[in-house]
Amino acid sequence: MDLGTIFVLGPFITIIDDSNNNASRKAAKKLYKANKKQKDRQELLVKRVNPTDKTQFINWRQVTHKENNIYPTIPIVKKKPTCPPTNNEIQSAYKNIESFHLFKTGQNIVPDPLDKESVIAYIEFMKFKDLSEKDKDDLNFLSTFLHRSKKFISPVARNTRSWGGLMYAIGWRKSSDKNQIVGKYIKKFRPEEAIFFHEIFTQSDWLGDIIAHHFNSLANTAFQENQDLMKKRNIPSFASLKFQQDKSEKDCSPHLVFTTNGFYNPPHVDEEDISQFAFAMFLPTFSADGTLASSSSGYDLSSGPFVFPDHKFGINFDHQHGIGSKRLLGGIK
């Protein structure tokens, strides 16, 4: 017997079955929260990242923050480790990160759990089959340019910021030479090598265009912020061969850093950088000549992950068959 709504006359007692209304209010409240969450996410995406293609599905990755020293036995002096890790310490670090969420596909955005208006990282995996022929040509030029340029630049000295592999830099730097404010990352070379040097570095503009295209398409907001900083402070682009060279619409950084030979370094924060974000690309290449390793080449990659220890997430590089490149926008402060 369904009593429904009961009205009792006399003592003026009214009993109303409001279960349906409660369910409706809960459903409406749930829908409101979902819509607001979606709206807040979209606003954050545009404000802090603003990728060119907003039609792709994005994985929103929620993380927590807790300080996590993956090399706890290495002494720290002035916020810097005093020595590289031993093999045992590296194996211990691997065990530490077994519970980390390591991304290996799709587009992933990681909001900052300590600041709802900020993003820690935006990570995109690009498949070979989705790259145009121009994209492949550009990325191959980029990787071979960097390989050939190593003849004229010295690896960054290994110190507490570099534990293994090699790191190089192209572009402009603060000079330590007398009567010189800025300089280029170029080592001395023989006069007979000048033709080869000219052949390589006169193509710097093309390199700059490729980097700018990928940076801008992944994160227009960060790209524009970098450009504004360079214009405001009259900073030359890494692609500029002269300090006073006219600025380009694609200038986005004074220098470019690249790594090879299994490079790895300690987790750190670049507190002195004036930029809020850093743009990085990870490409599978052949070490012999720097050419891009296509999905049909049968390459197999086994390497340590790129991680954010305090937030327990990162990028998985192992066995990335068919992945043409990985693009990362990461907070550096």
Protein backbone atom coordinates (compact mmCIF):
# COMPACT_ATOMS: atom_id res chain seq x y z
CA MET A 1 0.00 0.00 0.00
CA ASP A 2 1.52 3.32 -1.13
CA LEU A 3 0.73 6.03 1.38
CA GLY A 4 2.28 8.77 -0.72
CA THR A 5 1.61 12.16 0.83
CA ILE A 6 -0.57 12.12 3.99
CA PHE A 7 -2.53 15.07 5.35
CA VAL A 8 -4.02 14.60 8.84
CA LEU A 9 -6.68 17.16 9.81
CA GLY A 10 -7.29 18.16 13.38
CA PRO A 11 -3.99 18.61 15.17
CA PHE A 12 -2.56 20.11 11.96
CA ILE A 13 0.18 17.51 11.47
CA THR A 14 1.49 17.18 7.89
CA ILE A 15 3.70 14.31 6.74
CA ILE A 16 5.20 14.74 3.27
CA ASP A 17 7.16 12.09 1.35
CA ASP A 18 10.04 14.19 -0.03
CA SER A 19 12.30 11.35 -1.15
CA ASN A 20 11.92 12.13 -4.85
CA ASN A 21 12.70 15.82 -4.30
CA ASN A 22 15.78 14.93 -2.24
CA ALA A 23 17.02 12.66 -4.99
CA SER A 24 16.44 15.40 -7.56
CA ARG A 25 18.32 17.95 -5.47
CA LYS A 26 21.23 15.56 -5.01
CA ALA A 27 21.34 14.86 -8.73
CA ALA A 28 21.22 18.58 -9.53
CA LYS A 29 23.96 19.31 -6.99
CA LYS A 30 26.11 16.53 -8.42
CA LEU A 31 25.59 17.84 -11.96
CA TYR A 32 26.42 21.39 -10.85
CA LYS A 33 29.67 20.23 -9.25
CA ALA A 34 30.61 18.23 -12.36
CA ASN A 35 29.92 21.19 -14.66
CA LYS A 36 31.85 23.56 -12.40
CA LYS A 37 34.77 21.15 -12.25
CA GLN A 38 34.81 20.90 -16.04
CA LYS A 39 34.58 24.70 -16.37
CA ASP A 40 37.40 25.25 -13.85
CA ARG A 41 39.58 22.73 -15.65
CA GLN A 42 38.98 24.35 -19.02
CA GLU A 43 39.81 27.79 -17.62
CA LEU A 44 43.01 26.45 -16.02
CA LEU A 45 44.01 24.72 -19.26
CA VAL A 46 43.62 27.92 -21.29
CA LYS A 47 45.15 30.20 -18.66
CA ARG A 48 48.28 28.19 -17.89
CA VAL A 49 48.82 26.05 -21.02
CA ASN A 50 46.50 26.89 -23.94
CA PRO A 51 47.42 24.15 -26.47
CA THR A 52 46.60 24.80 -30.12
CA ASP A 53 44.50 21.63 -30.42
CA LYS A 54 41.86 21.66 -27.70
CA THR A 55 39.81 18.84 -29.25
CA GLN A 56 42.05 16.03 -27.99
CA PHE A 57 41.03 14.13 -24.88
CA ILE A 58 43.11 15.20 -21.89
CA ASN A 59 43.84 13.02 -18.88
CA TRP A 60 43.61 15.14 -15.73
CA ARG A 61 46.02 13.61 -13.24
CA GLN A 62 45.44 14.40 -9.59
CA VAL A 63 48.52 14.20 -7.38
CA THR A 64 49.48 15.04 -3.82
CA HIS A 65 52.60 16.75 -2.53
CA LYS A 66 55.03 15.33 -0.01
CA GLU A 67 58.79 15.82 0.06
CA ASN A 68 60.42 12.62 -1.16
CA ASN A 69 64.20 12.32 -1.28
CA ILE A 70 64.90 9.36 -3.54
CA TYR A 71 68.62 9.53 -2.65
CA PRO A 72 68.43 9.94 1.15
CA THR A 73 71.96 8.65 1.85
CA ILE A 74 73.73 11.28 -0.28
CA PRO A 75 74.90 14.27 1.82
CA ILE A 76 73.43 17.66 0.83
CA VAL A 77 75.42 20.90 1.15
CA LYS A 78 73.76 24.21 0.23
CA LYS A 79 70.83 22.34 -1.32
CA LYS A 80 73.14 20.35 -3.62
CA PRO A 81 74.21 16.70 -3.40
CA THR A 82 77.92 16.27 -2.75
CA CYS A 83 78.44 13.20 -4.95
CA PRO A 84 76.76 10.97 -7.54
CA PRO A 85 74.82 7.91 -6.34
CA THR A 86 76.38 4.48 -6.10
CA ASN A 87 74.84 1.52 -7.94
CA ASN A 88 73.15 0.44 -4.72
CA GLU A 89 71.71 3.94 -4.22
CA ILE A 90 70.39 3.94 -7.79
CA GLN A 91 68.70 0.58 -7.23
CA SER A 92 67.21 1.92 -4.01
CA ALA A 93 65.86 4.92 -5.93
CA TYR A 94 64.23 2.56 -8.45
CA LYS A 95 62.45 0.80 -5.61
CA ASN A 96 61.32 4.16 -4.26
CA ILE A 97 59.58 5.05 -7.52
CA GLU A 98 57.88 1.68 -8.11
CA SER A 99 54.65 3.18 -6.80
CA PHE A 100 54.89 6.29 -9.00
CA HIS A 101 52.33 6.87 -11.75
CA LEU A 102 54.44 6.85 -14.92
CA PHE A 103 52.65 8.14 -18.03
CA LYS A 104 53.29 6.47 -21.38
CA THR A 105 50.53 7.62 -23.72
CA GLY A 106 48.04 10.38 -24.52
CA GLN A 107 47.88 13.95 -23.25
CA ASN A 108 48.26 14.45 -19.53
CA ILE A 109 47.91 17.53 -17.36
CA VAL A 110 48.93 17.62 -13.70
CA PRO A 111 47.41 20.46 -11.64
CA ASP A 112 49.39 21.76 -8.67
CA PRO A 113 47.79 20.41 -5.46
CA LEU A 114 49.18 23.40 -3.53
CA ASP A 115 47.97 26.07 -5.95
CA LYS A 116 44.68 25.61 -7.79
CA GLU A 117 45.70 28.32 -10.29
CA SER A 118 48.86 26.52 -11.40
CA VAL A 119 49.97 23.45 -13.34
CA ILE A 120 52.98 21.26 -12.56
CA ALA A 121 53.26 19.62 -15.97
CA TYR A 122 51.57 19.10 -19.31
CA ILE A 123 52.83 15.96 -21.08
CA GLU A 124 51.97 14.80 -24.59
CA PHE A 125 53.01 11.61 -26.41
CA MET A 126 53.11 11.88 -30.22
CA LYS A 127 52.84 8.67 -32.27
CA PHE A 128 54.86 8.22 -35.47
CA LYS A 129 51.73 7.33 -37.41
CA ASP A 130 50.18 10.66 -36.43
CA LEU A 131 53.16 12.74 -37.58
CA SER A 132 53.04 14.38 -40.98
CA GLU A 133 55.97 13.98 -43.36
CA LYS A 134 56.93 17.58 -42.60
CA ASP A 135 56.89 16.83 -38.87
CA LYS A 136 59.19 13.86 -39.42
CA ASP A 137 61.55 15.89 -41.61
CA ASP A 138 61.63 18.71 -39.08
CA LEU A 139 62.30 16.43 -36.12
CA ASN A 140 64.99 14.58 -38.07
CA PHE A 141 66.65 17.90 -38.94
CA LEU A 142 66.46 18.95 -35.29
CA SER A 143 68.09 15.76 -33.99
CA THR A 144 70.83 15.66 -36.66
CA PHE A 145 71.56 19.38 -36.23
CA LEU A 146 72.18 18.86 -32.53
CA HIS A 147 74.34 15.81 -33.20
CA ARG A 148 76.50 17.67 -35.74
CA SER A 149 76.81 20.74 -33.53
CA LYS A 150 78.61 18.72 -30.83
CA LYS A 151 81.81 19.17 -32.84
CA PHE A 152 81.80 22.87 -31.91
CA ILE A 153 80.49 22.87 -28.35
CA SER A 154 81.87 21.26 -25.22
CA PRO A 155 79.78 19.15 -22.87
CA VAL A 156 78.69 20.93 -19.73
CA ALA A 157 81.17 20.09 -16.99
CA ARG A 158 80.00 17.23 -14.81
CA ASN A 159 79.25 18.45 -11.31
CA THR A 160 76.49 18.10 -8.76
CA ARG A 161 73.96 18.93 -11.50
CA SER A 162 75.09 16.14 -13.84
CA TRP A 163 75.65 12.57 -12.68
CA GLY A 164 76.00 10.66 -15.92
CA GLY A 165 75.81 10.95 -19.70
CA LEU A 166 76.46 14.18 -21.57
CA MET A 167 74.71 17.55 -21.63
CA TYR A 168 75.35 20.27 -24.22
CA ALA A 169 74.08 23.82 -24.64
CA ILE A 170 73.59 26.01 -27.72
CA GLY A 171 72.94 29.73 -27.67
CA TRP A 172 73.72 32.57 -25.31
CA ARG A 173 75.03 32.54 -21.73
CA LYS A 174 76.25 34.92 -19.08
CA SER A 175 79.95 35.40 -19.73
CA SER A 176 82.72 34.87 -17.19
CA ASP A 177 85.33 36.47 -19.47
CA LYS A 178 86.82 39.85 -18.67
CA ASN A 179 85.07 42.84 -20.30
CA GLN A 180 82.34 40.58 -21.67
CA ILE A 181 78.74 40.43 -20.48
CA VAL A 182 77.39 37.61 -22.63
CA GLY A 183 78.90 34.90 -24.77
CA LYS A 184 77.95 31.90 -26.90
CA TYR A 185 78.34 28.22 -26.15
CA ILE A 186 81.05 27.77 -28.78
CA LYS A 187 84.48 26.26 -28.21
CA LYS A 188 87.61 27.20 -30.15
CA PHE A 189 88.11 25.32 -33.40
CA ARG A 190 90.65 25.21 -36.21
CA PRO A 191 90.37 27.66 -39.14
CA GLU A 192 89.87 24.80 -41.60
CA GLU A 193 86.72 23.81 -39.69
CA ALA A 194 85.08 27.19 -40.26
CA ILE A 195 83.29 26.04 -43.42
CA PHE A 196 81.65 23.13 -41.60
CA PHE A 197 80.74 25.42 -38.70
CA HIS A 198 79.16 27.91 -41.11
CA GLU A 199 77.29 25.11 -42.90
CA ILE A 200 75.69 23.96 -39.66
CA PHE A 201 74.96 27.13 -37.74
CA THR A 202 73.60 29.20 -40.64
CA GLN A 203 70.63 26.81 -40.38
CA SER A 204 69.95 27.90 -36.80
CA ASP A 205 66.84 29.81 -37.88
CA TRP A 206 65.24 26.59 -39.11
CA LEU A 207 66.06 24.96 -35.79
CA GLY A 208 64.49 27.92 -33.98
CA ASP A 209 61.35 27.68 -36.13
CA ILE A 210 60.91 23.98 -35.32
CA ILE A 211 61.34 24.47 -31.58
CA ALA A 212 58.97 27.46 -31.62
CA HIS A 213 56.32 25.51 -33.53
CA HIS A 214 56.28 22.64 -31.05
CA PHE A 215 56.51 24.88 -27.98
CA ASN A 216 53.76 27.20 -29.21
CA SER A 217 51.39 24.42 -30.29
CA LEU A 218 51.80 22.58 -26.99
CA ALA A 219 51.56 25.60 -24.68
CA ASN A 220 50.82 28.98 -26.22
CA THR A 221 50.53 30.71 -22.84
CA ALA A 222 54.02 29.72 -21.69
CA PHE A 223 55.40 30.44 -25.18
CA GLN A 224 54.01 33.98 -25.11
CA GLU A 225 55.32 34.56 -21.58
CA ASN A 226 58.81 33.57 -22.72
CA GLN A 227 58.58 35.89 -25.71
CA ASP A 228 57.44 38.79 -23.54
CA LEU A 229 60.39 38.26 -21.17
CA MET A 230 62.86 38.22 -24.05
CA LYS A 231 61.45 41.41 -25.55
CA LYS A 232 61.31 43.20 -22.20
CA ARG A 233 64.93 42.36 -21.33
CA ASN A 234 66.32 42.44 -24.87
CA ILE A 235 67.44 38.81 -24.71
CA PRO A 236 68.69 37.24 -27.97
CA SER A 237 67.37 33.92 -29.25
CA PHE A 238 69.52 30.78 -29.23
CA ALA A 239 69.11 30.78 -33.03
CA SER A 240 70.60 34.29 -33.36
CA LEU A 241 74.21 34.31 -34.53
CA LYS A 242 74.65 37.95 -33.46
CA PHE A 243 73.63 39.54 -30.16
CA GLN A 244 71.90 42.50 -31.80
CA GLN A 245 70.16 40.42 -34.46
CA ASP A 246 66.58 41.53 -35.12
CA LYS A 247 63.97 39.73 -33.07
CA SER A 248 61.72 37.14 -34.70
CA GLU A 249 58.11 36.22 -33.92
CA LYS A 250 59.40 32.73 -33.15
CA ASP A 251 62.10 33.64 -30.63
CA CYS A 252 61.32 31.84 -27.38
CA SER A 253 64.57 31.06 -25.52
CA PRO A 254 68.17 32.36 -25.30
CA HIS A 255 69.64 28.87 -25.17
CA LEU A 256 68.83 25.24 -25.88
CA VAL A 257 70.09 22.34 -23.79
CA PHE A 258 70.21 18.76 -25.07
CA THR A 259 71.43 15.50 -23.56
CA THR A 260 72.77 12.16 -24.82
CA ASN A 261 74.44 8.95 -23.66
CA GLY A 262 72.00 8.13 -20.87
CA PHE A 263 72.20 11.51 -19.17
CA TYR A 264 70.77 11.77 -15.67
CA ASN A 265 71.02 14.28 -12.85
CA PRO A 266 69.71 14.82 -9.32
CA PRO A 267 66.17 16.12 -8.74
CA HIS A 268 66.36 19.88 -8.38
CA VAL A 269 64.49 23.18 -8.64
CA ASP A 270 65.81 25.98 -10.88
CA GLU A 271 65.16 28.79 -8.44
CA GLU A 272 67.21 31.37 -10.37
CA ASP A 273 65.34 31.04 -13.66
CA ILE A 274 63.02 33.93 -14.48
CA SER A 275 60.68 31.70 -16.52
CA GLN A 276 57.85 29.86 -14.80
CA PHE A 277 57.97 26.87 -17.15
CA ALA A 278 60.46 24.85 -19.18
CA PHE A 279 59.67 23.18 -22.51
CA ALA A 280 61.29 19.82 -23.29
CA MET A 281 61.15 17.27 -26.10
CA PHE A 282 62.26 13.65 -25.92
CA LEU A 283 63.15 12.04 -29.27
CA PRO A 284 64.29 8.47 -30.08
CA THR A 285 67.50 8.86 -32.10
CA PHE A 286 70.43 6.78 -33.29
CA SER A 287 73.58 7.65 -31.38
CA ALA A 288 75.83 7.18 -34.44
CA ASP A 289 74.48 10.09 -36.46
CA GLY A 290 71.58 11.59 -34.51
CA THR A 291 68.92 10.59 -37.04
CA LEU A 292 65.38 10.05 -35.83
CA ALA A 293 64.59 6.41 -35.06
CA SER A 294 61.30 5.61 -36.77
CA SER A 295 58.79 3.03 -35.57
CA SER A 296 59.81 0.76 -38.47
CA SER A 297 63.47 0.74 -37.45
CA GLY A 298 62.84 -1.80 -34.71
CA TYR A 299 64.50 0.29 -32.04
CA ASP A 300 63.96 -0.62 -28.42
CA LEU A 301 64.53 1.82 -25.62
CA SER A 302 65.17 0.90 -22.03
CA SER A 303 65.95 3.76 -19.71
CA GLY A 304 65.19 5.24 -16.36
CA PRO A 305 62.03 7.37 -16.08
CA PHE A 306 61.80 11.14 -15.85
CA VAL A 307 60.16 11.77 -12.49
CA PHE A 308 58.75 14.42 -10.18
CA PRO A 309 59.65 12.80 -6.83
CA ASP A 310 57.60 15.02 -4.51
CA HIS A 311 54.44 14.35 -6.53
CA LYS A 312 55.14 10.71 -7.43
CA PHE A 313 54.58 10.82 -11.18
CA GLY A 314 56.70 10.93 -14.31
CA ILE A 315 57.33 9.70 -17.85
CA ASN A 316 57.95 6.06 -18.71
CA PHE A 317 60.61 5.70 -21.44
CA ASP A 318 60.81 1.90 -21.56
CA HIS A 319 59.86 0.12 -24.78
CA GLN A 320 58.16 3.12 -26.37
CA HIS A 321 57.47 1.47 -29.74
CA GLY A 322 55.72 3.75 -32.20
CA ILE A 323 56.18 6.90 -30.11
CA GLY A 324 57.73 9.60 -32.29
CA SER A 325 58.32 12.15 -29.56
CA LYS A 326 57.25 13.29 -26.13
CA ARG A 327 56.62 16.93 -25.36
CA LEU A 328 56.70 18.28 -21.84
CA LEU A 329 55.85 21.62 -20.31
CA GLY A 330 57.04 21.54 -16.74
CA GLY A 331 57.02 24.02 -13.89
CA ILE A 332 60.55 24.89 -12.77
CA LYS A 333 59.80 26.81 -9.57
